[in-house]
């Protein structure tokens, strides 16, 4: 959930990607960033840091650990 600066409710996640994330990614010379790419990158980071599978599964909202693996 991304709160709106004017406290009128949540920001639309697409707007955050277009207005904040994509411009910074372009400045850094990164490829097109998507929420799915960020989710997969975060999962990879958890696995590399040896976060327990059960904790990573819960964090990602999966019902079974084999989905994560």
C-alpha atoms as a PDB file:
ATOM      1  CA  UNK A   1       0.000   0.000   0.000  1.00  0.00           C
ATOM      2  CA  UNK A   2       1.402   3.360  -1.013  1.00  0.00           C
ATOM      3  CA  UNK A   3      -0.259   6.269   0.793  1.00  0.00           C
ATOM      4  CA  UNK A   4      -1.064   9.356  -1.249  1.00  0.00           C
ATOM      5  CA  UNK A   5       0.836  12.522  -0.265  1.00  0.00           C
ATOM      6  CA  UNK A   6      -2.451  14.408   0.128  1.00  0.00           C
ATOM      7  CA  UNK A   7      -3.823  11.653   2.373  1.00  0.00           C
ATOM      8  CA  UNK A   8      -6.731  11.068   0.000  1.00  0.00           C
ATOM      9  CA  UNK A   9      -6.199   7.309  -0.199  1.00  0.00           C
ATOM     10  CA  UNK A  10      -3.639   5.023  -1.777  1.00  0.00           C
ATOM     11  CA  UNK A  11      -1.620   5.910  -4.855  1.00  0.00           C
ATOM     12  CA  UNK A  12      -2.193   3.802  -7.928  1.00  0.00           C
ATOM     13  CA  UNK A  13       0.730   1.372  -8.158  1.00  0.00           C
ATOM     14  CA  UNK A  14       1.041   1.988 -11.908  1.00  0.00           C
ATOM     15  CA  UNK A  15       1.558   5.702 -11.278  1.00  0.00           C
ATOM     16  CA  UNK A  16       4.353   4.998  -8.817  1.00  0.00           C
ATOM     17  CA  UNK A  17       6.100   2.806 -11.370  1.00  0.00           C
ATOM     18  CA  UNK A  18       5.728   5.358 -14.184  1.00  0.00           C
ATOM     19  CA  UNK A  19       6.489   8.513 -12.207  1.00  0.00           C
ATOM     20  CA  UNK A  20       9.108   7.314  -9.728  1.00  0.00           C
ATOM     21  CA  UNK A  21      10.684   3.939 -10.515  1.00  0.00           C
ATOM     22  CA  UNK A  22      11.042   4.070 -14.318  1.00  0.00           C
ATOM     23  CA  UNK A  23      12.770   7.499 -14.449  1.00  0.00           C
ATOM     24  CA  UNK A  24      15.341   6.406 -11.865  1.00  0.00           C
ATOM     25  CA  UNK A  25      15.871   3.102 -13.697  1.00  0.00           C
ATOM     26  CA  UNK A  26      16.514   5.023 -16.943  1.00  0.00           C
ATOM     27  CA  UNK A  27      18.999   7.330 -15.190  1.00  0.00           C
ATOM     28  CA  UNK A  28      20.858   4.279 -13.891  1.00  0.00           C
ATOM     29  CA  UNK A  29      20.848   2.610 -17.300  1.00  0.00           C
ATOM     30  CA  UNK A  30      18.666  -0.258 -16.079  1.00  0.00           C
ATOM     31  CA  UNK A  31      16.203  -2.125 -18.287  1.00  0.00           C
ATOM     32  CA  UNK A  32      12.446  -1.635 -18.028  1.00  0.00           C
ATOM     33  CA  UNK A  33      11.425  -2.404 -14.427  1.00  0.00           C
ATOM     34  CA  UNK A  34       8.122  -4.071 -13.555  1.00  0.00           C
ATOM     35  CA  UNK A  35       6.522  -5.057 -10.259  1.00  0.00           C
ATOM     36  CA  UNK A  36       6.924  -8.708 -11.285  1.00  0.00           C
ATOM     37  CA  UNK A  37      10.639  -8.219 -11.919  1.00  0.00           C
ATOM     38  CA  UNK A  38      11.029  -6.612  -8.474  1.00  0.00           C
ATOM     39  CA  UNK A  39       9.138  -9.489  -6.862  1.00  0.00           C
ATOM     40  CA  UNK A  40      11.389 -12.074  -8.536  1.00  0.00           C
ATOM     41  CA  UNK A  41      14.512 -10.092  -7.622  1.00  0.00           C
ATOM     42  CA  UNK A  42      13.358  -9.919  -3.997  1.00  0.00           C
ATOM     43  CA  UNK A  43      12.734 -13.651  -3.962  1.00  0.00           C
ATOM     44  CA  UNK A  44      16.202 -14.304  -5.371  1.00  0.00           C
ATOM     45  CA  UNK A  45      17.699 -12.083  -2.685  1.00  0.00           C
ATOM     46  CA  UNK A  46      15.874 -13.998   0.068  1.00  0.00           C
ATOM     47  CA  UNK A  47      17.121 -17.331  -1.297  1.00  0.00           C
ATOM     48  CA  UNK A  48      20.701 -16.047  -1.634  1.00  0.00           C
ATOM     49  CA  UNK A  49      20.600 -14.671   1.928  1.00  0.00           C
ATOM     50  CA  UNK A  50      19.353 -18.079   3.106  1.00  0.00           C
ATOM     51  CA  UNK A  51      16.085 -16.775   4.510  1.00  0.00           C
ATOM     52  CA  UNK A  52      14.171 -19.837   5.751  1.00  0.00           C
ATOM     53  CA  UNK A  53      11.866 -21.140   3.017  1.00  0.00           C
ATOM     54  CA  UNK A  54       8.845 -20.971   5.337  1.00  0.00           C
ATOM     55  CA  UNK A  55       9.519 -17.272   6.066  1.00  0.00           C
ATOM     56  CA  UNK A  56       9.996 -16.457   2.368  1.00  0.00           C
ATOM     57  CA  UNK A  57       6.845 -18.404   1.484  1.00  0.00           C
ATOM     58  CA  UNK A  58       4.805 -16.416   4.002  1.00  0.00           C
ATOM     59  CA  UNK A  59       6.337 -13.111   2.916  1.00  0.00           C
ATOM     60  CA  UNK A  60       5.349 -13.808  -0.702  1.00  0.00           C
ATOM     61  CA  UNK A  61       1.890 -15.069   0.237  1.00  0.00           C
ATOM     62  CA  UNK A  62       2.351 -18.562  -1.205  1.00  0.00           C
ATOM     63  CA  UNK A  63       0.291 -21.391   0.251  1.00  0.00           C
ATOM     64  CA  UNK A  64       2.964 -24.037  -0.352  1.00  0.00           C
ATOM     65  CA  UNK A  65       6.759 -23.867  -0.248  1.00  0.00           C
ATOM     66  CA  UNK A  66       7.126 -25.738  -3.562  1.00  0.00           C
ATOM     67  CA  UNK A  67       5.625 -22.726  -5.352  1.00  0.00           C
ATOM     68  CA  UNK A  68       8.565 -20.662  -4.127  1.00  0.00           C
ATOM     69  CA  UNK A  69      11.119 -23.313  -4.984  1.00  0.00           C
END
